[in-house]
Amino acid sequence: MNNHNLLIYEFDELYKILVEIKKDINLSFEKATKQKLPDLNSKTNCLVFTKKEIPGLNNQIVFNDFPIPIFKLLEKINIEFIRKKFHEQSDITIGNYNFNLNSRVMSFGENKLKLTEKEINSILYLFKIEKEVKIQELQTEVWGYQSQLETHTVETHIYRLRKKISKTFNDQDFIISKKNGYKIKKEK
């Protein structure tokens, strides 16, 4: 639970319990004030625990059943931070497209395209490098092939991926073919 903050809003019982066991848990926590609430939606590493739901506030956990055994409380906190991290890591935006890495779906507006694991890995690798990537580099880094092998796997794979993207999104330029490799176009 490192680098995560637990904010406790109008829930003094929970705050007192956490103060008592602070030395035994690896969690930072503090009381949240009414003045802090509007800024909390922009924070990505915090959860707000409260007794009553706060309209319009993301990242809140409402505890209706209290008291709760301490181990269940800590388990609940841990699970919520894991769930939050999972969701944060699963959705990314590249150019105009949203990618759900868990379901391997590329979407723009109402259009969705299911991708294979190699397709999503290829797109992510091209996106992270942010420059033209040589075919041999994709072959080694995404497929795990040795660069001495003579194969057209990468070219065929990227050709088919570009065709799928073009058919679904009418975008022929998301993956740009360059003289020595490929590149992702960041914006449409």
Protein backbone atom coordinates (compact mmCIF):
# COMPACT_ATOMS: atom_id res chain seq x y z
CA MET A 1 0.00 0.00 0.00
CA ASN A 2 3.00 2.31 -0.44
CA ASN A 3 2.50 5.76 -1.95
CA HIS A 4 -1.23 5.62 -1.40
CA ASN A 5 -3.15 7.95 0.83
CA LEU A 6 -6.27 7.11 2.70
CA LEU A 7 -8.41 10.15 3.42
CA ILE A 8 -11.01 9.80 6.10
CA TYR A 9 -14.00 12.11 5.87
CA GLU A 10 -16.37 12.51 8.83
CA PHE A 11 -15.43 9.08 10.14
CA ASP A 12 -13.71 9.66 13.48
CA GLU A 13 -14.00 6.04 14.65
CA LEU A 14 -11.95 4.79 11.70
CA TYR A 15 -9.39 7.53 12.11
CA LYS A 16 -8.88 6.67 15.80
CA ILE A 17 -8.41 2.98 14.99
CA LEU A 18 -5.82 3.73 12.32
CA VAL A 19 -3.95 6.06 14.67
CA GLU A 20 -3.76 3.23 17.21
CA ILE A 21 -2.31 0.72 14.73
CA LYS A 22 -0.27 3.20 12.66
CA LYS A 23 3.10 1.62 13.53
CA ASP A 24 1.86 -1.78 12.29
CA ILE A 25 0.52 -0.71 8.90
CA ASN A 26 2.26 0.67 5.86
CA LEU A 27 -0.31 3.28 4.97
CA SER A 28 -0.48 7.01 5.15
CA PHE A 29 -3.80 8.49 6.15
CA GLU A 30 -5.29 11.77 7.21
CA LYS A 31 -8.59 13.42 7.88
CA ALA A 32 -10.16 15.05 4.87
CA THR A 33 -11.87 18.38 5.34
CA LYS A 34 -14.82 19.73 3.42
CA GLN A 35 -12.45 22.26 1.78
CA LYS A 36 -10.26 19.44 0.40
CA LEU A 37 -13.13 17.49 -1.19
CA PRO A 38 -13.30 19.41 -4.51
CA ASP A 39 -9.59 18.74 -5.15
CA LEU A 40 -9.76 15.01 -4.44
CA ASN A 41 -11.07 13.96 -7.87
CA SER A 42 -7.79 15.10 -9.43
CA LYS A 43 -5.67 12.97 -7.06
CA THR A 44 -4.92 9.52 -8.41
CA ASN A 45 -3.25 7.93 -5.42
CA CYS A 46 -5.91 8.38 -2.77
CA LEU A 47 -9.11 6.81 -1.54
CA VAL A 48 -11.69 8.53 0.61
CA PHE A 49 -13.36 6.46 3.32
CA THR A 50 -16.63 7.82 4.59
CA LYS A 51 -19.86 6.70 6.24
CA LYS A 52 -22.11 8.49 3.74
CA GLU A 53 -21.74 8.79 -0.01
CA ILE A 54 -20.46 12.17 -1.21
CA PRO A 55 -22.15 13.05 -4.53
CA GLY A 56 -19.74 13.71 -7.39
CA LEU A 57 -16.66 12.38 -5.60
CA ASN A 58 -14.64 9.64 -7.27
CA ASN A 59 -12.45 7.22 -5.34
CA GLN A 60 -14.68 6.95 -2.32
CA ILE A 61 -15.44 3.89 -0.25
CA VAL A 62 -18.61 4.06 1.80
CA PHE A 63 -18.63 1.98 4.99
CA ASN A 64 -22.19 1.13 5.91
CA ASP A 65 -21.26 -1.75 8.21
CA PHE A 66 -19.20 -0.55 11.12
CA PRO A 67 -17.70 -1.81 13.41
CA ILE A 68 -15.71 -4.28 11.34
CA PRO A 69 -12.91 -6.65 12.39
CA ILE A 70 -9.52 -4.96 11.93
CA PHE A 71 -8.23 -7.62 9.53
CA LYS A 72 -11.31 -7.21 7.35
CA LEU A 73 -10.82 -3.44 7.43
CA LEU A 74 -7.19 -3.69 6.32
CA GLU A 75 -8.12 -6.26 3.69
CA LYS A 76 -10.82 -3.95 2.34
CA ILE A 77 -8.39 -1.01 2.16
CA ASN A 78 -5.78 -3.15 0.40
CA ILE A 79 -8.30 -4.56 -2.08
CA GLU A 80 -9.60 -1.09 -2.93
CA PHE A 81 -6.07 0.22 -3.62
CA ILE A 82 -5.31 -2.84 -5.77
CA ARG A 83 -8.58 -2.40 -7.68
CA LYS A 84 -7.83 1.29 -8.20
CA LYS A 85 -4.31 0.56 -9.46
CA PHE A 86 -5.68 -2.15 -11.79
CA HIS A 87 -8.15 0.27 -13.35
CA GLU A 88 -5.59 3.06 -13.65
CA GLN A 89 -3.16 0.77 -15.43
CA SER A 90 -5.73 -0.79 -17.70
CA ASP A 91 -6.87 2.32 -19.58
CA ILE A 92 -4.51 4.44 -21.66
CA THR A 93 -4.98 6.96 -24.42
CA ILE A 94 -2.87 7.06 -27.55
CA GLY A 95 -3.78 9.85 -29.91
CA ASN A 96 -7.55 9.84 -30.27
CA TYR A 97 -7.91 6.23 -29.19
CA ASN A 98 -8.59 4.66 -25.83
CA PHE A 99 -7.08 1.28 -25.04
CA ASN A 100 -8.26 -1.08 -22.34
CA LEU A 101 -5.22 -3.26 -21.79
CA ASN A 102 -7.08 -5.84 -19.72
CA SER A 103 -9.73 -6.55 -22.32
CA ARG A 104 -7.39 -5.60 -25.23
CA VAL A 105 -9.97 -3.29 -26.79
CA MET A 106 -9.15 -0.21 -28.84
CA SER A 107 -11.97 2.32 -29.05
CA PHE A 108 -12.88 5.68 -30.48
CA GLY A 109 -16.39 6.98 -29.92
CA GLU A 110 -18.79 4.09 -30.41
CA ASN A 111 -16.35 2.02 -32.50
CA LYS A 112 -14.47 -0.76 -30.76
CA LEU A 113 -11.82 -3.14 -32.03
CA LYS A 114 -10.72 -6.30 -30.23
CA LEU A 115 -6.95 -6.77 -30.46
CA THR A 116 -4.72 -9.78 -29.95
CA GLU A 117 -2.00 -9.77 -27.33
CA LYS A 118 0.72 -9.29 -29.99
CA GLU A 119 -1.24 -6.41 -31.55
CA ILE A 120 -1.61 -4.57 -28.27
CA ASN A 121 2.04 -5.25 -27.38
CA SER A 122 3.14 -3.93 -30.77
CA ILE A 123 1.10 -0.73 -30.37
CA LEU A 124 2.35 -0.21 -26.81
CA TYR A 125 5.97 -0.74 -27.82
CA LEU A 126 5.67 1.70 -30.73
CA PHE A 127 3.95 4.21 -28.45
CA LYS A 128 6.57 3.99 -25.69
CA ILE A 129 9.54 4.37 -28.03
CA GLU A 130 8.09 7.57 -29.58
CA LYS A 131 10.27 7.34 -32.69
CA GLU A 132 10.60 5.17 -35.75
CA VAL A 133 11.12 1.55 -34.68
CA LYS A 134 13.03 -0.80 -36.95
CA ILE A 135 11.45 -4.09 -37.92
CA GLN A 136 14.34 -6.01 -36.34
CA GLU A 137 13.74 -4.20 -33.02
CA LEU A 138 10.04 -5.13 -33.03
CA GLN A 139 10.99 -8.66 -33.99
CA THR A 140 13.31 -8.91 -30.99
CA GLU A 141 11.36 -6.90 -28.40
CA VAL A 142 7.77 -7.94 -29.13
CA TRP A 143 8.15 -11.39 -30.69
CA GLY A 144 11.36 -12.46 -28.97
CA TYR A 145 12.93 -13.56 -32.27
CA GLN A 146 16.63 -13.27 -32.84
CA SER A 147 17.47 -10.50 -35.26
CA GLN A 148 19.49 -12.87 -37.49
CA LEU A 149 16.35 -14.76 -38.52
CA GLU A 150 14.92 -13.85 -41.90
CA THR A 151 11.18 -13.55 -41.36
CA HIS A 152 8.38 -11.32 -42.51
CA THR A 153 6.28 -11.93 -39.39
CA VAL A 154 6.47 -8.32 -38.22
CA GLU A 155 5.63 -6.81 -41.60
CA THR A 156 2.69 -9.19 -42.11
CA HIS A 157 1.43 -8.64 -38.60
CA ILE A 158 1.61 -4.83 -38.82
CA TYR A 159 0.02 -4.89 -42.29
CA ARG A 160 -2.96 -6.86 -40.93
CA LEU A 161 -3.21 -4.66 -37.84
CA ARG A 162 -3.21 -1.49 -39.96
CA LYS A 163 -5.92 -3.03 -42.15
CA LYS A 164 -8.11 -3.82 -39.09
CA ILE A 165 -7.68 -0.29 -37.73
CA SER A 166 -8.45 1.22 -41.13
CA LYS A 167 -11.60 -0.88 -41.51
CA THR A 168 -12.92 -0.13 -38.00
CA PHE A 169 -11.87 3.51 -37.60
CA ASN A 170 -11.23 4.63 -41.19
CA ASP A 171 -7.72 5.62 -40.11
CA GLN A 172 -4.93 4.58 -42.46
CA ASP A 173 -2.30 6.58 -40.57
CA PHE A 174 -2.40 5.38 -36.96
CA ILE A 175 0.64 3.16 -37.56
CA ILE A 176 2.84 4.92 -40.06
CA SER A 177 5.19 2.92 -42.28
CA LYS A 178 8.59 4.51 -42.51
CA LYS A 179 11.59 3.57 -44.64
CA ASN A 180 13.15 1.44 -41.90
CA GLY A 181 10.20 0.58 -39.68
CA TYR A 182 7.04 1.86 -38.05
CA LYS A 183 5.82 4.69 -35.87
CA ILE A 184 2.59 5.56 -34.05
CA LYS A 185 0.91 8.79 -35.06
CA LYS A 186 0.04 10.45 -31.73
CA GLU A 187 -2.79 12.71 -32.86
CA LYS A 188 -5.35 12.55 -35.60
